[in-house]
Amino acid sequence: MEYFIKLEYIDLNTTFNCGQCFRWEQIQQDSDTFTGYAGNKSVTVRQGENGITLLDVNEVDIPFWERYFCADEDYSSLIERFCADSTLKLACEFAPGIRVLRQEPFETLISFIISQNNHIKRITGIIKDMCRQFGGNGFPTPADIAALSEGDLTQLGAGYRARYILDAAKKVNFGEIKLDEIEKMPYTVAKGELLKIIGVGEKVADCVLLFGFHKTEAFPRDVWIKRLIAEYYPDKLPDCIKGYEGIAQQFLFHYVRNNNK
């Protein structure tokens, strides 16, 4: 069946290619239709005016995809808030269709461990191979990955990150890290839990909290954001983004990486 999700602000191309997710592919160049996976679910989605259409979607999966695309998030109000700051106003005008997705937490954790000192094309390839070899195209479970060796992962191109991936999978699989409990924790407590994983630092933890748990106060800081903060916000971040720092970060991140002013 087809199902339309009304979203006042969304551009699929920008949303899928701004560095927050790695399992979506354009049907063909310049197409407005993408196919992709989240966890063990797949769907094809088409860009529309004021929303998106899910194609060939199972009715039972509709709530999952509505949550994934944060259909209940009022981006109109958020963008209005952000535009109180002059730099954010430029960023929002540059790419108003960016939308932070609510992804599957374990997939997000492993994906951003893989992302360390890596580029999007290579990250995407490693994840795709991992899913094909160990998850039957769906994302492997914690038990699936915990049963692997470092060699299984290094042959995919994970390199030194193989040890980190295994540590994360084992801690989740054996209950040392409880992802369902992290979702209920305050931001700082949740971040502390993720930092227990070998190889997870401040930036990766914030990415996982923002994209996997929708803790919108998480503010990942990579080299681009650090430069932007030094130039535009040397004293503090603007008050208008309080509570939604992570969503504002995505507008800023995309702006500084792609605006050739």
C-alpha atoms as a PDB file:
ATOM      1  CA  MET A   1       0.000   0.000   0.000  1.00  0.00           C
ATOM      2  CA  GLU A   2       0.937   3.655  -0.328  1.00  0.00           C
ATOM      3  CA  TYR A   3       0.791   5.987   2.648  1.00  0.00           C
ATOM      4  CA  PHE A   4       1.302   9.755   2.758  1.00  0.00           C
ATOM      5  CA  ILE A   5       2.984  11.366   5.755  1.00  0.00           C
ATOM      6  CA  LYS A   6       2.336  15.090   5.981  1.00  0.00           C
ATOM      7  CA  LEU A   7       5.556  16.930   6.852  1.00  0.00           C
ATOM      8  CA  GLU A   8       5.714  20.673   6.397  1.00  0.00           C
ATOM      9  CA  TYR A   9       9.499  20.667   6.142  1.00  0.00           C
ATOM     10  CA  ILE A  10      11.426  17.790   4.582  1.00  0.00           C
ATOM     11  CA  ASP A  11      13.807  17.332   1.697  1.00  0.00           C
ATOM     12  CA  LEU A  12      14.693  13.653   1.376  1.00  0.00           C
ATOM     13  CA  ASN A  13      17.896  14.209  -0.572  1.00  0.00           C
ATOM     14  CA  THR A  14      19.312  16.614   2.007  1.00  0.00           C
ATOM     15  CA  THR A  15      18.022  14.629   4.978  1.00  0.00           C
ATOM     16  CA  PHE A  16      19.500  11.336   3.762  1.00  0.00           C
ATOM     17  CA  ASN A  17      22.836  12.864   2.718  1.00  0.00           C
ATOM     18  CA  CYS A  18      23.696  15.169   5.603  1.00  0.00           C
ATOM     19  CA  GLY A  19      25.710  12.545   7.495  1.00  0.00           C
ATOM     20  CA  GLN A  20      23.123  11.220   9.939  1.00  0.00           C
ATOM     21  CA  CYS A  21      22.193   7.926   8.186  1.00  0.00           C
ATOM     22  CA  PHE A  22      23.882   5.539   5.778  1.00  0.00           C
ATOM     23  CA  ARG A  23      21.361   3.053   4.345  1.00  0.00           C
ATOM     24  CA  TRP A  24      19.346   5.037   1.804  1.00  0.00           C
ATOM     25  CA  GLU A  25      19.904   4.997  -1.953  1.00  0.00           C
ATOM     26  CA  GLN A  26      18.413   7.152  -4.676  1.00  0.00           C
ATOM     27  CA  ILE A  27      16.502   5.049  -7.209  1.00  0.00           C
ATOM     28  CA  GLN A  28      18.355   6.869  -9.972  1.00  0.00           C
ATOM     29  CA  GLN A  29      20.288  10.096 -10.286  1.00  0.00           C
ATOM     30  CA  ASP A  30      18.123  13.196  -9.737  1.00  0.00           C
ATOM     31  CA  SER A  31      15.181  10.989  -8.728  1.00  0.00           C
ATOM     32  CA  ASP A  32      12.839  12.087  -5.941  1.00  0.00           C
ATOM     33  CA  THR A  33      12.496   8.465  -4.784  1.00  0.00           C
ATOM     34  CA  PHE A  34      14.739   6.565  -2.373  1.00  0.00           C
ATOM     35  CA  THR A  35      14.854   3.039  -1.041  1.00  0.00           C
ATOM     36  CA  GLY A  36      16.378   2.139   2.259  1.00  0.00           C
ATOM     37  CA  TYR A  37      16.519   0.195   5.487  1.00  0.00           C
ATOM     38  CA  ALA A  38      16.132   1.035   9.159  1.00  0.00           C
ATOM     39  CA  GLY A  39      16.909  -1.854  11.455  1.00  0.00           C
ATOM     40  CA  ASN A  40      15.371  -4.866   9.709  1.00  0.00           C
ATOM     41  CA  LYS A  41      12.645  -2.910   7.896  1.00  0.00           C
ATOM     42  CA  SER A  42      12.795  -1.577   4.354  1.00  0.00           C
ATOM     43  CA  VAL A  43      10.692   0.877   2.405  1.00  0.00           C
ATOM     44  CA  THR A  44      10.690   3.020  -0.703  1.00  0.00           C
ATOM     45  CA  VAL A  45       9.833   6.667  -0.125  1.00  0.00           C
ATOM     46  CA  ARG A  46       8.996   9.430  -2.599  1.00  0.00           C
ATOM     47  CA  GLN A  47       9.348  13.156  -2.072  1.00  0.00           C
ATOM     48  CA  GLY A  48       6.117  15.087  -2.322  1.00  0.00           C
ATOM     49  CA  GLU A  49       4.829  18.569  -1.683  1.00  0.00           C
ATOM     50  CA  ASN A  50       4.342  19.069   2.064  1.00  0.00           C
ATOM     51  CA  GLY A  51       5.268  15.487   2.827  1.00  0.00           C
ATOM     52  CA  ILE A  52       6.456  12.093   1.673  1.00  0.00           C
ATOM     53  CA  THR A  53       4.777   8.960   0.329  1.00  0.00           C
ATOM     54  CA  LEU A  54       5.739   5.508   1.543  1.00  0.00           C
ATOM     55  CA  LEU A  55       5.490   3.042  -1.360  1.00  0.00           C
ATOM     56  CA  ASP A  56       4.675  -0.649  -0.956  1.00  0.00           C
ATOM     57  CA  VAL A  57       4.680  -0.264   2.806  1.00  0.00           C
ATOM     58  CA  ASN A  58       3.177  -2.826   5.161  1.00  0.00           C
ATOM     59  CA  GLU A  59       0.323  -1.252   7.097  1.00  0.00           C
ATOM     60  CA  VAL A  60       1.712  -2.608  10.354  1.00  0.00           C
ATOM     61  CA  ASP A  61       4.986  -0.699   9.743  1.00  0.00           C
ATOM     62  CA  ILE A  62       3.407   2.734   9.239  1.00  0.00           C
ATOM     63  CA  PRO A  63       3.771   3.804  12.912  1.00  0.00           C
ATOM     64  CA  PHE A  64       7.440   2.797  12.778  1.00  0.00           C
ATOM     65  CA  TRP A  65       8.109   5.030   9.754  1.00  0.00           C
ATOM     66  CA  GLU A  66       6.081   7.919  11.171  1.00  0.00           C
ATOM     67  CA  ARG A  67       8.289   7.762  14.253  1.00  0.00           C
ATOM     68  CA  TYR A  68      11.427   7.378  12.119  1.00  0.00           C
ATOM     69  CA  PHE A  69      10.631  10.575  10.208  1.00  0.00           C
ATOM     70  CA  CYS A  70       9.521  12.357  13.426  1.00  0.00           C
ATOM     71  CA  ALA A  71       6.098  13.156  12.013  1.00  0.00           C
ATOM     72  CA  ASP A  72       5.058  14.720  15.324  1.00  0.00           C
ATOM     73  CA  GLU A  73       7.940  17.239  15.377  1.00  0.00           C
ATOM     74  CA  ASP A  74       6.827  20.818  14.650  1.00  0.00           C
ATOM     75  CA  TYR A  75       9.625  22.017  12.372  1.00  0.00           C
ATOM     76  CA  SER A  76       7.754  25.173  11.474  1.00  0.00           C
ATOM     77  CA  SER A  77       7.968  26.367  15.080  1.00  0.00           C
ATOM     78  CA  LEU A  78      11.557  25.156  15.440  1.00  0.00           C
ATOM     79  CA  ILE A  79      12.758  27.017  12.358  1.00  0.00           C
ATOM     80  CA  GLU A  80      10.933  30.133  13.504  1.00  0.00           C
ATOM     81  CA  ARG A  81      12.786  29.869  16.826  1.00  0.00           C
ATOM     82  CA  PHE A  82      16.154  29.271  15.196  1.00  0.00           C
ATOM     83  CA  CYS A  83      15.767  32.267  12.901  1.00  0.00           C
ATOM     84  CA  ALA A  84      16.087  34.556  15.913  1.00  0.00           C
ATOM     85  CA  ASP A  85      19.835  33.979  15.446  1.00  0.00           C
ATOM     86  CA  SER A  86      21.330  35.536  12.301  1.00  0.00           C
ATOM     87  CA  THR A  87      23.695  32.662  11.464  1.00  0.00           C
ATOM     88  CA  LEU A  88      21.045  30.013  12.017  1.00  0.00           C
ATOM     89  CA  LYS A  89      18.629  32.034   9.917  1.00  0.00           C
ATOM     90  CA  LEU A  90      21.058  31.756   7.005  1.00  0.00           C
ATOM     91  CA  ALA A  91      21.495  28.025   7.636  1.00  0.00           C
ATOM     92  CA  CYS A  92      17.735  27.399   7.754  1.00  0.00           C
ATOM     93  CA  GLU A  93      17.184  29.387   4.575  1.00  0.00           C
ATOM     94  CA  PHE A  94      20.016  27.492   2.860  1.00  0.00           C
ATOM     95  CA  ALA A  95      18.477  24.051   3.506  1.00  0.00           C
ATOM     96  CA  PRO A  96      15.070  24.253   5.212  1.00  0.00           C
ATOM     97  CA  GLY A  97      14.263  20.621   4.443  1.00  0.00           C
ATOM     98  CA  ILE A  98      16.758  18.997   6.816  1.00  0.00           C
ATOM     99  CA  ARG A  99      14.995  16.751   9.313  1.00  0.00           C
ATOM    100  CA  VAL A 100      16.661  14.808  12.123  1.00  0.00           C
ATOM    101  CA  LEU A 101      15.578  11.178  11.913  1.00  0.00           C
ATOM    102  CA  ARG A 102      14.784   8.897  14.849  1.00  0.00           C
ATOM    103  CA  GLN A 103      16.803   5.814  14.000  1.00  0.00           C
ATOM    104  CA  GLU A 104      17.170   2.385  15.562  1.00  0.00           C
ATOM    105  CA  PRO A 105      19.555   2.825  18.544  1.00  0.00           C
ATOM    106  CA  PHE A 106      21.859  -0.185  18.112  1.00  0.00           C
ATOM    107  CA  GLU A 107      22.239   0.447  14.386  1.00  0.00           C
ATOM    108  CA  THR A 108      23.051   4.080  15.134  1.00  0.00           C
ATOM    109  CA  LEU A 109      25.624   3.116  17.762  1.00  0.00           C
ATOM    110  CA  ILE A 110      27.504   0.772  15.446  1.00  0.00           C
ATOM    111  CA  SER A 111      27.209   3.130  12.474  1.00  0.00           C
ATOM    112  CA  PHE A 112      28.795   6.035  14.312  1.00  0.00           C
ATOM    113  CA  ILE A 113      31.569   3.884  15.718  1.00  0.00           C
ATOM    114  CA  ILE A 114      32.316   2.989  12.094  1.00  0.00           C
ATOM    115  CA  SER A 115      32.120   6.690  11.146  1.00  0.00           C
ATOM    116  CA  GLN A 116      35.176   7.652  13.206  1.00  0.00           C
ATOM    117  CA  ASN A 117      37.906   9.131  10.978  1.00  0.00           C
ATOM    118  CA  ASN A 118      35.971   7.907   7.969  1.00  0.00           C
ATOM    119  CA  HIS A 119      34.013   9.330   5.025  1.00  0.00           C
ATOM    120  CA  ILE A 120      30.403   8.727   4.060  1.00  0.00           C
ATOM    121  CA  LYS A 121      31.035   6.560   0.981  1.00  0.00           C
ATOM    122  CA  ARG A 122      33.281   4.198   2.945  1.00  0.00           C
ATOM    123  CA  ILE A 123      30.986   4.133   5.994  1.00  0.00           C
ATOM    124  CA  THR A 124      28.057   3.255   3.736  1.00  0.00           C
ATOM    125  CA  GLY A 125      30.015   0.459   2.075  1.00  0.00           C
ATOM    126  CA  ILE A 126      31.120  -1.119   5.358  1.00  0.00           C
ATOM    127  CA  ILE A 127      27.594  -1.032   6.766  1.00  0.00           C
ATOM    128  CA  LYS A 128      26.116  -2.444   3.562  1.00  0.00           C
ATOM    129  CA  ASP A 129      28.588  -5.340   3.573  1.00  0.00           C
ATOM    130  CA  MET A 130      27.991  -5.972   7.271  1.00  0.00           C
ATOM    131  CA  CYS A 131      24.235  -6.159   6.737  1.00  0.00           C
ATOM    132  CA  ARG A 132      24.564  -8.429   3.708  1.00  0.00           C
ATOM    133  CA  GLN A 133      27.010 -10.845   5.338  1.00  0.00           C
ATOM    134  CA  PHE A 134      25.757 -10.948   8.911  1.00  0.00           C
ATOM    135  CA  GLY A 135      22.200  -9.586   8.938  1.00  0.00           C
ATOM    136  CA  GLY A 136      20.511 -10.925   5.821  1.00  0.00           C
ATOM    137  CA  ASN A 137      20.267  -7.274   4.574  1.00  0.00           C
ATOM    138  CA  GLY A 138      18.680  -6.201   7.848  1.00  0.00           C
ATOM    139  CA  PHE A 139      21.036  -4.714  10.405  1.00  0.00           C
ATOM    140  CA  PRO A 140      22.768  -7.439  12.465  1.00  0.00           C
ATOM    141  CA  THR A 141      21.551  -7.845  16.040  1.00  0.00           C
ATOM    142  CA  PRO A 142      23.854  -7.373  19.041  1.00  0.00           C
ATOM    143  CA  ALA A 143      24.045 -11.189  19.308  1.00  0.00           C
ATOM    144  CA  ASP A 144      24.940 -11.490  15.605  1.00  0.00           C
ATOM    145  CA  ILE A 145      27.882  -9.104  15.951  1.00  0.00           C
ATOM    146  CA  ALA A 146      28.977 -10.305  19.404  1.00  0.00           C
ATOM    147  CA  ALA A 147      29.515 -13.761  17.899  1.00  0.00           C
ATOM    148  CA  LEU A 148      31.982 -12.429  15.316  1.00  0.00           C
ATOM    149  CA  SER A 149      35.756 -12.076  15.540  1.00  0.00           C
ATOM    150  CA  GLU A 150      37.788  -8.944  14.936  1.00  0.00           C
ATOM    151  CA  GLY A 151      38.935 -10.587  11.710  1.00  0.00           C
ATOM    152  CA  ASP A 152      35.350 -10.895  10.491  1.00  0.00           C
ATOM    153  CA  LEU A 153      34.997  -7.139  10.827  1.00  0.00           C
ATOM    154  CA  THR A 154      38.417  -6.056   9.612  1.00  0.00           C
ATOM    155  CA  GLN A 155      37.831  -7.920   6.346  1.00  0.00           C
ATOM    156  CA  LEU A 156      34.889  -5.572   5.807  1.00  0.00           C
ATOM    157  CA  GLY A 157      37.218  -2.592   6.147  1.00  0.00           C
ATOM    158  CA  ALA A 158      36.419  -1.694   9.754  1.00  0.00           C
ATOM    159  CA  GLY A 159      40.115  -1.600  10.651  1.00  0.00           C
ATOM    160  CA  TYR A 160      40.938  -0.581  14.227  1.00  0.00           C
ATOM    161  CA  ARG A 161      37.216   0.074  14.802  1.00  0.00           C
ATOM    162  CA  ALA A 162      36.567  -3.694  14.805  1.00  0.00           C
ATOM    163  CA  ARG A 163      37.530  -3.886  18.494  1.00  0.00           C
ATOM    164  CA  TYR A 164      35.165  -1.023  19.320  1.00  0.00           C
ATOM    165  CA  ILE A 165      32.287  -2.592  17.362  1.00  0.00           C
ATOM    166  CA  LEU A 166      32.722  -5.902  19.187  1.00  0.00           C
ATOM    167  CA  ASP A 167      32.908  -4.218  22.579  1.00  0.00           C
ATOM    168  CA  ALA A 168      29.690  -2.292  21.879  1.00  0.00           C
ATOM    169  CA  ALA A 169      27.852  -5.401  20.640  1.00  0.00           C
ATOM    170  CA  LYS A 170      28.956  -7.505  23.594  1.00  0.00           C
ATOM    171  CA  LYS A 171      28.066  -4.848  26.167  1.00  0.00           C
ATOM    172  CA  VAL A 172      24.589  -4.521  24.650  1.00  0.00           C
ATOM    173  CA  ASN A 173      24.086  -8.240  24.090  1.00  0.00           C
ATOM    174  CA  PHE A 174      25.082  -9.204  27.637  1.00  0.00           C
ATOM    175  CA  GLY A 175      23.119  -6.397  29.269  1.00  0.00           C
ATOM    176  CA  GLU A 176      25.961  -4.206  30.512  1.00  0.00           C
ATOM    177  CA  ILE A 177      24.551  -1.435  28.329  1.00  0.00           C
ATOM    178  CA  LYS A 178      20.738  -1.415  28.230  1.00  0.00           C
ATOM    179  CA  LEU A 179      19.587   0.640  25.261  1.00  0.00           C
ATOM    180  CA  ASP A 180      15.939   0.655  26.327  1.00  0.00           C
ATOM    181  CA  GLU A 181      16.961   2.191  29.656  1.00  0.00           C
ATOM    182  CA  ILE A 182      19.232   4.775  28.010  1.00  0.00           C
ATOM    183  CA  GLU A 183      16.203   6.088  26.142  1.00  0.00           C
ATOM    184  CA  LYS A 184      14.550   6.928  29.486  1.00  0.00           C
ATOM    185  CA  MET A 185      17.641   8.479  31.086  1.00  0.00           C
ATOM    186  CA  PRO A 186      18.414  12.200  31.270  1.00  0.00           C
ATOM    187  CA  TYR A 187      20.881  13.301  28.618  1.00  0.00           C
ATOM    188  CA  THR A 188      23.988  13.507  30.823  1.00  0.00           C
ATOM    189  CA  VAL A 189      23.342  10.122  32.459  1.00  0.00           C
ATOM    190  CA  ALA A 190      22.655   8.500  29.082  1.00  0.00           C
ATOM    191  CA  LYS A 191      25.864   9.934  27.677  1.00  0.00           C
ATOM    192  CA  GLY A 192      27.820   8.519  30.593  1.00  0.00           C
ATOM    193  CA  GLU A 193      26.471   5.057  29.807  1.00  0.00           C
ATOM    194  CA  LEU A 194      27.575   5.226  26.173  1.00  0.00           C
ATOM    195  CA  LEU A 195      31.032   6.464  27.169  1.00  0.00           C
ATOM    196  CA  LYS A 196      31.577   3.107  28.906  1.00  0.00           C
ATOM    197  CA  ILE A 197      31.988   1.538  25.463  1.00  0.00           C
ATOM    198  CA  ILE A 198      35.572   1.297  24.227  1.00  0.00           C
ATOM    199  CA  GLY A 199      36.131   3.737  21.392  1.00  0.00           C
ATOM    200  CA  VAL A 200      33.021   5.843  22.054  1.00  0.00           C
ATOM    201  CA  GLY A 201      34.004   9.426  22.785  1.00  0.00           C
ATOM    202  CA  GLU A 202      32.072  12.658  23.221  1.00  0.00           C
ATOM    203  CA  LYS A 203      31.205  13.174  19.561  1.00  0.00           C
ATOM    204  CA  VAL A 204      30.100   9.595  18.835  1.00  0.00           C
ATOM    205  CA  ALA A 205      28.059   9.489  22.048  1.00  0.00           C
ATOM    206  CA  ASP A 206      26.284  12.721  21.111  1.00  0.00           C
ATOM    207  CA  CYS A 207      25.577  11.446  17.588  1.00  0.00           C
ATOM    208  CA  VAL A 208      24.051   8.258  18.987  1.00  0.00           C
ATOM    209  CA  LEU A 209      21.955  10.177  21.522  1.00  0.00           C
ATOM    210  CA  LEU A 210      20.716  12.609  18.870  1.00  0.00           C
ATOM    211  CA  PHE A 211      20.066  10.261  15.945  1.00  0.00           C
ATOM    212  CA  GLY A 212      19.285   7.054  17.816  1.00  0.00           C
ATOM    213  CA  PHE A 213      17.471   8.278  20.930  1.00  0.00           C
ATOM    214  CA  HIS A 214      16.223  11.686  19.744  1.00  0.00           C
ATOM    215  CA  LYS A 215      17.775  13.489  22.698  1.00  0.00           C
ATOM    216  CA  THR A 216      17.679  16.794  20.892  1.00  0.00           C
ATOM    217  CA  GLU A 217      19.872  18.590  23.436  1.00  0.00           C
ATOM    218  CA  ALA A 218      22.846  16.486  22.263  1.00  0.00           C
ATOM    219  CA  PHE A 219      25.192  18.675  20.203  1.00  0.00           C
ATOM    220  CA  PRO A 220      27.839  16.659  18.300  1.00  0.00           C
ATOM    221  CA  ARG A 221      31.021  18.659  17.725  1.00  0.00           C
ATOM    222  CA  ASP A 222      33.231  17.711  14.827  1.00  0.00           C
ATOM    223  CA  VAL A 223      35.932  19.840  13.235  1.00  0.00           C
ATOM    224  CA  TRP A 224      33.393  21.794  11.130  1.00  0.00           C
ATOM    225  CA  ILE A 225      31.212  22.649  14.121  1.00  0.00           C
ATOM    226  CA  LYS A 226      34.209  23.565  16.278  1.00  0.00           C
ATOM    227  CA  ARG A 227      35.366  26.028  13.634  1.00  0.00           C
ATOM    228  CA  LEU A 228      31.883  27.499  13.322  1.00  0.00           C
ATOM    229  CA  ILE A 229      31.536  27.885  17.103  1.00  0.00           C
ATOM    230  CA  ALA A 230      34.921  29.600  17.297  1.00  0.00           C
ATOM    231  CA  GLU A 231      33.865  32.070  14.593  1.00  0.00           C
ATOM    232  CA  TYR A 232      30.206  32.723  15.394  1.00  0.00           C
ATOM    233  CA  TYR A 233      29.578  31.551  18.964  1.00  0.00           C
ATOM    234  CA  PRO A 234      32.824  32.009  20.921  1.00  0.00           C
ATOM    235  CA  ASP A 235      31.008  32.819  24.162  1.00  0.00           C
ATOM    236  CA  LYS A 236      28.002  30.482  24.075  1.00  0.00           C
ATOM    237  CA  LEU A 237      25.407  28.929  21.801  1.00  0.00           C
ATOM    238  CA  PRO A 238      22.316  31.088  21.149  1.00  0.00           C
ATOM    239  CA  ASP A 239      19.468  30.843  23.665  1.00  0.00           C
ATOM    240  CA  CYS A 240      16.924  30.232  20.897  1.00  0.00           C
ATOM    241  CA  ILE A 241      18.157  26.651  20.384  1.00  0.00           C
ATOM    242  CA  LYS A 242      17.984  25.527  24.023  1.00  0.00           C
ATOM    243  CA  GLY A 243      16.588  22.007  24.226  1.00  0.00           C
ATOM    244  CA  TYR A 244      16.982  21.547  20.456  1.00  0.00           C
ATOM    245  CA  GLU A 245      20.717  22.085  20.113  1.00  0.00           C
ATOM    246  CA  GLY A 246      21.144  18.913  18.077  1.00  0.00           C
ATOM    247  CA  ILE A 247      18.557  19.834  15.471  1.00  0.00           C
ATOM    248  CA  ALA A 248      20.113  23.291  15.149  1.00  0.00           C
ATOM    249  CA  GLN A 249      23.500  21.613  14.783  1.00  0.00           C
ATOM    250  CA  GLN A 250      22.322  19.745  11.696  1.00  0.00           C
ATOM    251  CA  PHE A 251      21.323  22.981   9.979  1.00  0.00           C
ATOM    252  CA  LEU A 252      24.653  24.559  10.917  1.00  0.00           C
ATOM    253  CA  PHE A 253      26.686  21.473   9.959  1.00  0.00           C
ATOM    254  CA  HIS A 254      25.126  21.257   6.513  1.00  0.00           C
ATOM    255  CA  TYR A 255      25.474  25.009   5.995  1.00  0.00           C
ATOM    256  CA  VAL A 256      29.173  25.276   6.822  1.00  0.00           C
ATOM    257  CA  ARG A 257      30.051  22.184   4.769  1.00  0.00           C
ATOM    258  CA  ASN A 258      28.104  23.136   1.643  1.00  0.00           C
ATOM    259  CA  ASN A 259      27.745  26.903   1.516  1.00  0.00           C
ATOM    260  CA  ASN A 260      30.428  28.292  -0.767  1.00  0.00           C
ATOM    261  CA  LYS A 261      30.001  31.921   0.125  1.00  0.00           C
END
